[in-house]
Amino acid sequence: YSIITPEGYASILWGDSSRAPEAAEKMHITAQDLKKKK
């Protein structure tokens, strides 16, 4: 669950969509992350 796709996040903030795996880690988008944040 995210504000944008990891590819979009990486492209907009870093100008490099290939960094999508790194963006996915940084965005805290998993069910476990979001359960902790309530």
ModelCIF file with pLDDT and N, C-alpha, C, O atoms, coordinates in Angstrom:
data_MODEL
#
_entry.id   MODEL 
#
_entity.id                         1 
_entity.type                       polymer 
_entity.pdbx_number_of_molecules   1 
#
_entity_poly.entity_id                      1 
_entity_poly.type                           'polypeptide(L)' 
_entity_poly.nstd_linkage                   no 
_entity_poly.nstd_monomer                   no 
_entity_poly.pdbx_seq_one_letter_code       YSIITPEGYASILWGDSSRAPEAAEKMHITAQDLKKKK 
_entity_poly.pdbx_seq_one_letter_code_can   YSIITPEGYASILWGDSSRAPEAAEKMHITAQDLKKKK 
_entity_poly.pdbx_strand_id                 A 
#
loop_
_entity_poly_seq.entity_id 
_entity_poly_seq.num 
_entity_poly_seq.mon_id 
_entity_poly_seq.hetero 
1 1  TYR n 
1 2  SER n 
1 3  ILE n 
1 4  ILE n 
1 5  THR n 
1 6  PRO n 
1 7  GLU n 
1 8  GLY n 
1 9  TYR n 
1 10 ALA n 
1 11 SER n 
1 12 ILE n 
1 13 LEU n 
1 14 TRP n 
1 15 GLY n 
1 16 ASP n 
1 17 SER n 
1 18 SER n 
1 19 ARG n 
1 20 ALA n 
1 21 PRO n 
1 22 GLU n 
1 23 ALA n 
1 24 ALA n 
1 25 GLU n 
1 26 LYS n 
1 27 MET n 
1 28 HIS n 
1 29 ILE n 
1 30 THR n 
1 31 ALA n 
1 32 GLN n 
1 33 ASP n 
1 34 LEU n 
1 35 LYS n 
1 36 LYS n 
1 37 LYS n 
1 38 LYS n 
#
_struct_asym.id          A 
_struct_asym.entity_id   1 
#
loop_
_ma_qa_metric.id 
_ma_qa_metric.mode 
_ma_qa_metric.name 
_ma_qa_metric.software_group_id 
_ma_qa_metric.type 
1 global pLDDT . pLDDT 
2 local  pLDDT . pLDDT 
#
_ma_qa_metric_global.metric_id      1 
_ma_qa_metric_global.metric_value   94.13 
_ma_qa_metric_global.model_id       1 
_ma_qa_metric_global.ordinal_id     1 
#
loop_
_ma_qa_metric_local.label_asym_id 
_ma_qa_metric_local.label_comp_id 
_ma_qa_metric_local.label_seq_id 
_ma_qa_metric_local.metric_id 
_ma_qa_metric_local.metric_value 
_ma_qa_metric_local.model_id 
_ma_qa_metric_local.ordinal_id 
A TYR 1  2 96.00 1 1  
A SER 2  2 95.00 1 2  
A ILE 3  2 94.00 1 3  
A ILE 4  2 92.00 1 4  
A THR 5  2 90.00 1 5  
A PRO 6  2 93.00 1 6  
A GLU 7  2 93.00 1 7  
A GLY 8  2 91.00 1 8  
A TYR 9  2 94.00 1 9  
A ALA 10 2 95.00 1 10 
A SER 11 2 94.00 1 11 
A ILE 12 2 94.00 1 12 
A LEU 13 2 94.00 1 13 
A TRP 14 2 95.00 1 14 
A GLY 15 2 95.00 1 15 
A ASP 16 2 95.00 1 16 
A SER 17 2 94.00 1 17 
A SER 18 2 94.00 1 18 
A ARG 19 2 95.00 1 19 
A ALA 20 2 94.00 1 20 
A PRO 21 2 94.00 1 21 
A GLU 22 2 95.00 1 22 
A ALA 23 2 95.00 1 23 
A ALA 24 2 94.00 1 24 
A GLU 25 2 93.00 1 25 
A LYS 26 2 95.00 1 26 
A MET 27 2 95.00 1 27 
A HIS 28 2 94.00 1 28 
A ILE 29 2 95.00 1 29 
A THR 30 2 95.00 1 30 
A ALA 31 2 94.00 1 31 
A GLN 32 2 94.00 1 32 
A ASP 33 2 94.00 1 33 
A LEU 34 2 96.00 1 34 
A LYS 35 2 95.00 1 35 
A LYS 36 2 94.00 1 36 
A LYS 37 2 94.00 1 37 
A LYS 38 2 94.00 1 38 
#
loop_
_atom_site.group_PDB 
_atom_site.id 
_atom_site.type_symbol 
_atom_site.label_atom_id 
_atom_site.label_alt_id 
_atom_site.label_comp_id 
_atom_site.label_asym_id 
_atom_site.label_entity_id 
_atom_site.label_seq_id 
_atom_site.pdbx_PDB_ins_code 
_atom_site.Cartn_x 
_atom_site.Cartn_y 
_atom_site.Cartn_z 
_atom_site.occupancy 
_atom_site.B_iso_or_equiv 
_atom_site.pdbx_formal_charge 
_atom_site.auth_seq_id 
_atom_site.auth_comp_id 
_atom_site.auth_asym_id 
_atom_site.auth_atom_id 
_atom_site.pdbx_PDB_model_num 
ATOM 1   N N  . TYR A 1 1  ? 0.887  -1.179 0.000   1.00 96.00 ? 1  TYR A N  1 
ATOM 2   C CA . TYR A 1 1  ? 0.000  0.000  0.000   1.00 96.00 ? 1  TYR A CA 1 
ATOM 3   C C  . TYR A 1 1  ? 0.912  1.212  0.000   1.00 96.00 ? 1  TYR A C  1 
ATOM 4   O O  . TYR A 1 1  ? 1.711  1.389  0.919   1.00 96.00 ? 1  TYR A O  1 
ATOM 5   N N  . SER A 1 2  ? 0.799  2.058  -1.035  1.00 95.00 ? 2  SER A N  1 
ATOM 6   C CA . SER A 1 2  ? 1.785  3.130  -1.170  1.00 95.00 ? 2  SER A CA 1 
ATOM 7   C C  . SER A 1 2  ? 1.194  4.367  -1.823  1.00 95.00 ? 2  SER A C  1 
ATOM 8   O O  . SER A 1 2  ? 0.129  4.321  -2.438  1.00 95.00 ? 2  SER A O  1 
ATOM 9   N N  . ILE A 1 3  ? 1.906  5.468  -1.675  1.00 94.00 ? 3  ILE A N  1 
ATOM 10  C CA . ILE A 1 3  ? 1.483  6.738  -2.258  1.00 94.00 ? 3  ILE A CA 1 
ATOM 11  C C  . ILE A 1 3  ? 1.713  6.768  -3.764  1.00 94.00 ? 3  ILE A C  1 
ATOM 12  O O  . ILE A 1 3  ? 1.042  7.501  -4.490  1.00 94.00 ? 3  ILE A O  1 
ATOM 13  N N  . ILE A 1 4  ? 2.667  5.966  -4.227  1.00 92.00 ? 4  ILE A N  1 
ATOM 14  C CA . ILE A 1 4  ? 3.020  5.878  -5.635  1.00 92.00 ? 4  ILE A CA 1 
ATOM 15  C C  . ILE A 1 4  ? 3.771  4.570  -5.829  1.00 92.00 ? 4  ILE A C  1 
ATOM 16  O O  . ILE A 1 4  ? 4.225  3.982  -4.847  1.00 92.00 ? 4  ILE A O  1 
ATOM 17  N N  . THR A 1 5  ? 3.917  4.098  -7.052  1.00 90.00 ? 5  THR A N  1 
ATOM 18  C CA . THR A 1 5  ? 4.695  2.881  -7.286  1.00 90.00 ? 5  THR A CA 1 
ATOM 19  C C  . THR A 1 5  ? 6.162  3.145  -6.934  1.00 90.00 ? 5  THR A C  1 
ATOM 20  O O  . THR A 1 5  ? 6.622  4.283  -7.029  1.00 90.00 ? 5  THR A O  1 
ATOM 21  N N  . PRO A 1 6  ? 6.903  2.102  -6.529  1.00 93.00 ? 6  PRO A N  1 
ATOM 22  C CA . PRO A 1 6  ? 8.340  2.298  -6.270  1.00 93.00 ? 6  PRO A CA 1 
ATOM 23  C C  . PRO A 1 6  ? 9.086  2.877  -7.467  1.00 93.00 ? 6  PRO A C  1 
ATOM 24  O O  . PRO A 1 6  ? 10.010 3.675  -7.304  1.00 93.00 ? 6  PRO A O  1 
ATOM 25  N N  . GLU A 1 7  ? 8.676  2.467  -8.683  1.00 93.00 ? 7  GLU A N  1 
ATOM 26  C CA . GLU A 1 7  ? 9.323  3.015  -9.877  1.00 93.00 ? 7  GLU A CA 1 
ATOM 27  C C  . GLU A 1 7  ? 9.082  4.518  -9.983  1.00 93.00 ? 7  GLU A C  1 
ATOM 28  O O  . GLU A 1 7  ? 9.994  5.280  -10.303 1.00 93.00 ? 7  GLU A O  1 
ATOM 29  N N  . GLY A 1 8  ? 7.837  4.941  -9.708  1.00 91.00 ? 8  GLY A N  1 
ATOM 30  C CA . GLY A 1 8  ? 7.520  6.364  -9.753  1.00 91.00 ? 8  GLY A CA 1 
ATOM 31  C C  . GLY A 1 8  ? 8.255  7.147  -8.692  1.00 91.00 ? 8  GLY A C  1 
ATOM 32  O O  . GLY A 1 8  ? 8.754  8.243  -8.949  1.00 91.00 ? 8  GLY A O  1 
ATOM 33  N N  . TYR A 1 9  ? 8.322  6.583  -7.492  1.00 94.00 ? 9  TYR A N  1 
ATOM 34  C CA . TYR A 1 9  ? 9.038  7.229  -6.383  1.00 94.00 ? 9  TYR A CA 1 
ATOM 35  C C  . TYR A 1 9  ? 10.505 7.452  -6.760  1.00 94.00 ? 9  TYR A C  1 
ATOM 36  O O  . TYR A 1 9  ? 11.036 8.552  -6.603  1.00 94.00 ? 9  TYR A O  1 
ATOM 37  N N  . ALA A 1 10 ? 11.158 6.383  -7.263  1.00 95.00 ? 10 ALA A N  1 
ATOM 38  C CA . ALA A 1 10 ? 12.572 6.470  -7.615  1.00 95.00 ? 10 ALA A CA 1 
ATOM 39  C C  . ALA A 1 10 ? 12.799 7.445  -8.763  1.00 95.00 ? 10 ALA A C  1 
ATOM 40  O O  . ALA A 1 10 ? 13.791 8.174  -8.769  1.00 95.00 ? 10 ALA A O  1 
ATOM 41  N N  . SER A 1 11 ? 11.901 7.464  -9.721  1.00 94.00 ? 11 SER A N  1 
ATOM 42  C CA . SER A 1 11 ? 12.052 8.344  -10.879 1.00 94.00 ? 11 SER A CA 1 
ATOM 43  C C  . SER A 1 11 ? 11.901 9.813  -10.489 1.00 94.00 ? 11 SER A C  1 
ATOM 44  O O  . SER A 1 11 ? 12.665 10.662 -10.949 1.00 94.00 ? 11 SER A O  1 
ATOM 45  N N  . ILE A 1 12 ? 10.910 10.115 -9.635  1.00 94.00 ? 12 ILE A N  1 
ATOM 46  C CA . ILE A 1 12 ? 10.644 11.504 -9.259  1.00 94.00 ? 12 ILE A CA 1 
ATOM 47  C C  . ILE A 1 12 ? 11.703 12.044 -8.300  1.00 94.00 ? 12 ILE A C  1 
ATOM 48  O O  . ILE A 1 12 ? 12.198 13.157 -8.479  1.00 94.00 ? 12 ILE A O  1 
ATOM 49  N N  . LEU A 1 13 ? 12.047 11.260 -7.291  1.00 94.00 ? 13 LEU A N  1 
ATOM 50  C CA . LEU A 1 13 ? 12.970 11.759 -6.261  1.00 94.00 ? 13 LEU A CA 1 
ATOM 51  C C  . LEU A 1 13 ? 14.436 11.604 -6.628  1.00 94.00 ? 13 LEU A C  1 
ATOM 52  O O  . LEU A 1 13 ? 15.266 12.430 -6.249  1.00 94.00 ? 13 LEU A O  1 
ATOM 53  N N  . TRP A 1 14 ? 14.754 10.551 -7.362  1.00 95.00 ? 14 TRP A N  1 
ATOM 54  C CA . TRP A 1 14 ? 16.164 10.291 -7.661  1.00 95.00 ? 14 TRP A CA 1 
ATOM 55  C C  . TRP A 1 14 ? 16.481 10.324 -9.148  1.00 95.00 ? 14 TRP A C  1 
ATOM 56  O O  . TRP A 1 14 ? 17.642 10.204 -9.538  1.00 95.00 ? 14 TRP A O  1 
ATOM 57  N N  . GLY A 1 15 ? 15.451 10.489 -9.986  1.00 95.00 ? 15 GLY A N  1 
ATOM 58  C CA . GLY A 1 15 ? 15.674 10.535 -11.421 1.00 95.00 ? 15 GLY A CA 1 
ATOM 59  C C  . GLY A 1 15 ? 16.147 9.227  -12.004 1.00 95.00 ? 15 GLY A C  1 
ATOM 60  O O  . GLY A 1 15 ? 16.771 9.215  -13.065 1.00 95.00 ? 15 GLY A O  1 
ATOM 61  N N  . ASP A 1 16 ? 15.861 8.107  -11.325 1.00 95.00 ? 16 ASP A N  1 
ATOM 62  C CA . ASP A 1 16 ? 16.372 6.814  -11.770 1.00 95.00 ? 16 ASP A CA 1 
ATOM 63  C C  . ASP A 1 16 ? 15.387 5.719  -11.358 1.00 95.00 ? 16 ASP A C  1 
ATOM 64  O O  . ASP A 1 16 ? 15.407 5.263  -10.215 1.00 95.00 ? 16 ASP A O  1 
ATOM 65  N N  . SER A 1 17 ? 14.528 5.298  -12.287 1.00 94.00 ? 17 SER A N  1 
ATOM 66  C CA . SER A 1 17 ? 13.512 4.301  -11.957 1.00 94.00 ? 17 SER A CA 1 
ATOM 67  C C  . SER A 1 17 ? 14.102 2.933  -11.659 1.00 94.00 ? 17 SER A C  1 
ATOM 68  O O  . SER A 1 17 ? 13.434 2.092  -11.059 1.00 94.00 ? 17 SER A O  1 
ATOM 69  N N  . SER A 1 18 ? 15.348 2.697  -12.069 1.00 94.00 ? 18 SER A N  1 
ATOM 70  C CA . SER A 1 18 ? 15.975 1.405  -11.799 1.00 94.00 ? 18 SER A CA 1 
ATOM 71  C C  . SER A 1 18 ? 16.246 1.199  -10.307 1.00 94.00 ? 18 SER A C  1 
ATOM 72  O O  . SER A 1 18 ? 16.559 0.089  -9.876  1.00 94.00 ? 18 SER A O  1 
ATOM 73  N N  . ARG A 1 19 ? 16.126 2.263  -9.529  1.00 95.00 ? 19 ARG A N  1 
ATOM 74  C CA . ARG A 1 19 ? 16.338 2.151  -8.084  1.00 95.00 ? 19 ARG A CA 1 
ATOM 75  C C  . ARG A 1 19 ? 15.031 1.794  -7.345  1.00 95.00 ? 19 ARG A C  1 
ATOM 76  O O  . ARG A 1 19 ? 14.904 2.015  -6.140  1.00 95.00 ? 19 ARG A O  1 
ATOM 77  N N  . ALA A 1 20 ? 14.085 1.248  -8.085  1.00 94.00 ? 20 ALA A N  1 
ATOM 78  C CA . ALA A 1 20 ? 12.790 0.880  -7.498  1.00 94.00 ? 20 ALA A CA 1 
ATOM 79  C C  . ALA A 1 20 ? 12.910 -0.074 -6.307  1.00 94.00 ? 20 ALA A C  1 
ATOM 80  O O  . ALA A 1 20 ? 12.196 0.120  -5.323  1.00 94.00 ? 20 ALA A O  1 
ATOM 81  N N  . PRO A 1 21 ? 13.789 -1.110 -6.345  1.00 94.00 ? 21 PRO A N  1 
ATOM 82  C CA . PRO A 1 21 ? 13.912 -1.984 -5.166  1.00 94.00 ? 21 PRO A CA 1 
ATOM 83  C C  . PRO A 1 21 ? 14.337 -1.217 -3.910  1.00 94.00 ? 21 PRO A C  1 
ATOM 84  O O  . PRO A 1 21 ? 13.857 -1.492 -2.811  1.00 94.00 ? 21 PRO A O  1 
ATOM 85  N N  . GLU A 1 22 ? 15.235 -0.262 -4.087  1.00 95.00 ? 22 GLU A N  1 
ATOM 86  C CA . GLU A 1 22 ? 15.670 0.571  -2.961  1.00 95.00 ? 22 GLU A CA 1 
ATOM 87  C C  . GLU A 1 22 ? 14.522 1.454  -2.468  1.00 95.00 ? 22 GLU A C  1 
ATOM 88  O O  . GLU A 1 22 ? 14.339 1.639  -1.265  1.00 95.00 ? 22 GLU A O  1 
ATOM 89  N N  . ALA A 1 23 ? 13.758 1.991  -3.409  1.00 95.00 ? 23 ALA A N  1 
ATOM 90  C CA . ALA A 1 23 ? 12.615 2.839  -3.054  1.00 95.00 ? 23 ALA A CA 1 
ATOM 91  C C  . ALA A 1 23 ? 11.586 2.043  -2.262  1.00 95.00 ? 23 ALA A C  1 
ATOM 92  O O  . ALA A 1 23 ? 11.017 2.546  -1.293  1.00 95.00 ? 23 ALA A O  1 
ATOM 93  N N  . ALA A 1 24 ? 11.346 0.798  -2.675  1.00 94.00 ? 24 ALA A N  1 
ATOM 94  C CA . ALA A 1 24 ? 10.358 -0.031 -1.986  1.00 94.00 ? 24 ALA A CA 1 
ATOM 95  C C  . ALA A 1 24 ? 10.721 -0.215 -0.516  1.00 94.00 ? 24 ALA A C  1 
ATOM 96  O O  . ALA A 1 24 ? 9.843  -0.218 0.346   1.00 94.00 ? 24 ALA A O  1 
ATOM 97  N N  . GLU A 1 25 ? 12.023 -0.369 -0.225  1.00 93.00 ? 25 GLU A N  1 
ATOM 98  C CA . GLU A 1 25 ? 12.469 -0.493 1.173   1.00 93.00 ? 25 GLU A CA 1 
ATOM 99  C C  . GLU A 1 25 ? 12.216 0.800  1.941   1.00 93.00 ? 25 GLU A C  1 
ATOM 100 O O  . GLU A 1 25 ? 11.763 0.778  3.085   1.00 93.00 ? 25 GLU A O  1 
ATOM 101 N N  . LYS A 1 26 ? 12.510 1.909  1.303   1.00 95.00 ? 26 LYS A N  1 
ATOM 102 C CA . LYS A 1 26 ? 12.438 3.213  1.963   1.00 95.00 ? 26 LYS A CA 1 
ATOM 103 C C  . LYS A 1 26 ? 10.997 3.670  2.208   1.00 95.00 ? 26 LYS A C  1 
ATOM 104 O O  . LYS A 1 26 ? 10.742 4.442  3.132   1.00 95.00 ? 26 LYS A O  1 
ATOM 105 N N  . MET A 1 27 ? 10.064 3.202  1.394   1.00 95.00 ? 27 MET A N  1 
ATOM 106 C CA . MET A 1 27 ? 8.691  3.710  1.432   1.00 95.00 ? 27 MET A CA 1 
ATOM 107 C C  . MET A 1 27 ? 7.824  3.071  2.533   1.00 95.00 ? 27 MET A C  1 
ATOM 108 O O  . MET A 1 27 ? 6.750  3.587  2.841   1.00 95.00 ? 27 MET A O  1 
ATOM 109 N N  . HIS A 1 28 ? 8.279  1.956  3.127   1.00 94.00 ? 28 HIS A N  1 
ATOM 110 C CA . HIS A 1 28 ? 7.505  1.269  4.172   1.00 94.00 ? 28 HIS A CA 1 
ATOM 111 C C  . HIS A 1 28 ? 6.099  0.932  3.676   1.00 94.00 ? 28 HIS A C  1 
ATOM 112 O O  . HIS A 1 28 ? 5.109  1.457  4.184   1.00 94.00 ? 28 HIS A O  1 
ATOM 113 N N  . ILE A 1 29 ? 6.027  0.058  2.688   1.00 95.00 ? 29 ILE A N  1 
ATOM 114 C CA . ILE A 1 29 ? 4.766  -0.207 2.002   1.00 95.00 ? 29 ILE A CA 1 
ATOM 115 C C  . ILE A 1 29 ? 4.159  -1.571 2.324   1.00 95.00 ? 29 ILE A C  1 
ATOM 116 O O  . ILE A 1 29 ? 3.078  -1.889 1.829   1.00 95.00 ? 29 ILE A O  1 
ATOM 117 N N  . THR A 1 30 ? 4.825  -2.377 3.135   1.00 95.00 ? 30 THR A N  1 
ATOM 118 C CA . THR A 1 30 ? 4.317  -3.727 3.393   1.00 95.00 ? 30 THR A CA 1 
ATOM 119 C C  . THR A 1 30 ? 3.243  -3.733 4.479   1.00 95.00 ? 30 THR A C  1 
ATOM 120 O O  . THR A 1 30 ? 3.094  -2.779 5.242   1.00 95.00 ? 30 THR A O  1 
ATOM 121 N N  . ALA A 1 31 ? 2.508  -4.825 4.523   1.00 94.00 ? 31 ALA A N  1 
ATOM 122 C CA . ALA A 1 31 ? 1.458  -4.975 5.531   1.00 94.00 ? 31 ALA A CA 1 
ATOM 123 C C  . ALA A 1 31 ? 2.034  -4.893 6.939   1.00 94.00 ? 31 ALA A C  1 
ATOM 124 O O  . ALA A 1 31 ? 1.428  -4.300 7.832   1.00 94.00 ? 31 ALA A O  1 
ATOM 125 N N  . GLN A 1 32 ? 3.202  -5.486 7.131   1.00 94.00 ? 32 GLN A N  1 
ATOM 126 C CA . GLN A 1 32 ? 3.822  -5.485 8.454   1.00 94.00 ? 32 GLN A CA 1 
ATOM 127 C C  . GLN A 1 32 ? 4.236  -4.068 8.872   1.00 94.00 ? 32 GLN A C  1 
ATOM 128 O O  . GLN A 1 32 ? 4.062  -3.681 10.028  1.00 94.00 ? 32 GLN A O  1 
ATOM 129 N N  . ASP A 1 33 ? 4.784  -3.298 7.924   1.00 94.00 ? 33 ASP A N  1 
ATOM 130 C CA . ASP A 1 33 ? 5.147  -1.896 8.204   1.00 94.00 ? 33 ASP A CA 1 
ATOM 131 C C  . ASP A 1 33 ? 3.906  -1.087 8.576   1.00 94.00 ? 33 ASP A C  1 
ATOM 132 O O  . ASP A 1 33 ? 3.921  -0.321 9.540   1.00 94.00 ? 33 ASP A O  1 
ATOM 133 N N  . LEU A 1 34 ? 2.845  -1.261 7.813   1.00 96.00 ? 34 LEU A N  1 
ATOM 134 C CA . LEU A 1 34 ? 1.657  -0.440 7.993   1.00 96.00 ? 34 LEU A CA 1 
ATOM 135 C C  . LEU A 1 34 ? 0.844  -0.851 9.214   1.00 96.00 ? 34 LEU A C  1 
ATOM 136 O O  . LEU A 1 34 ? 0.111  -0.037 9.775   1.00 96.00 ? 34 LEU A O  1 
ATOM 137 N N  . LYS A 1 35 ? 0.969  -2.102 9.624   1.00 95.00 ? 35 LYS A N  1 
ATOM 138 C CA . LYS A 1 35 ? 0.314  -2.529 10.865  1.00 95.00 ? 35 LYS A CA 1 
ATOM 139 C C  . LYS A 1 35 ? 0.984  -1.851 12.061  1.00 95.00 ? 35 LYS A C  1 
ATOM 140 O O  . LYS A 1 35 ? 0.306  -1.447 13.006  1.00 95.00 ? 35 LYS A O  1 
ATOM 141 N N  . LYS A 1 36 ? 2.308  -1.726 12.023  1.00 94.00 ? 36 LYS A N  1 
ATOM 142 C CA . LYS A 1 36 ? 3.038  -1.043 13.101  1.00 94.00 ? 36 LYS A CA 1 
ATOM 143 C C  . LYS A 1 36 ? 2.648  0.429  13.180  1.00 94.00 ? 36 LYS A C  1 
ATOM 144 O O  . LYS A 1 36 ? 2.560  1.000  14.266  1.00 94.00 ? 36 LYS A O  1 
ATOM 145 N N  . LYS A 1 37 ? 2.411  1.042  12.005  1.00 94.00 ? 37 LYS A N  1 
ATOM 146 C CA . LYS A 1 37 ? 2.038  2.459  11.968  1.00 94.00 ? 37 LYS A CA 1 
ATOM 147 C C  . LYS A 1 37 ? 0.537  2.663  12.234  1.00 94.00 ? 37 LYS A C  1 
ATOM 148 O O  . LYS A 1 37 ? 0.068  3.800  12.283  1.00 94.00 ? 37 LYS A O  1 
ATOM 149 N N  . LYS A 1 38 ? -0.208 1.575  12.405  1.00 94.00 ? 38 LYS A N  1 
ATOM 150 C CA . LYS A 1 38 ? -1.655 1.595  12.658  1.00 94.00 ? 38 LYS A CA 1 
ATOM 151 C C  . LYS A 1 38 ? -2.444 2.200  11.488  1.00 94.00 ? 38 LYS A C  1 
ATOM 152 O O  . LYS A 1 38 ? -3.671 2.287  11.549  1.00 94.00 ? 38 LYS A O  1 
#
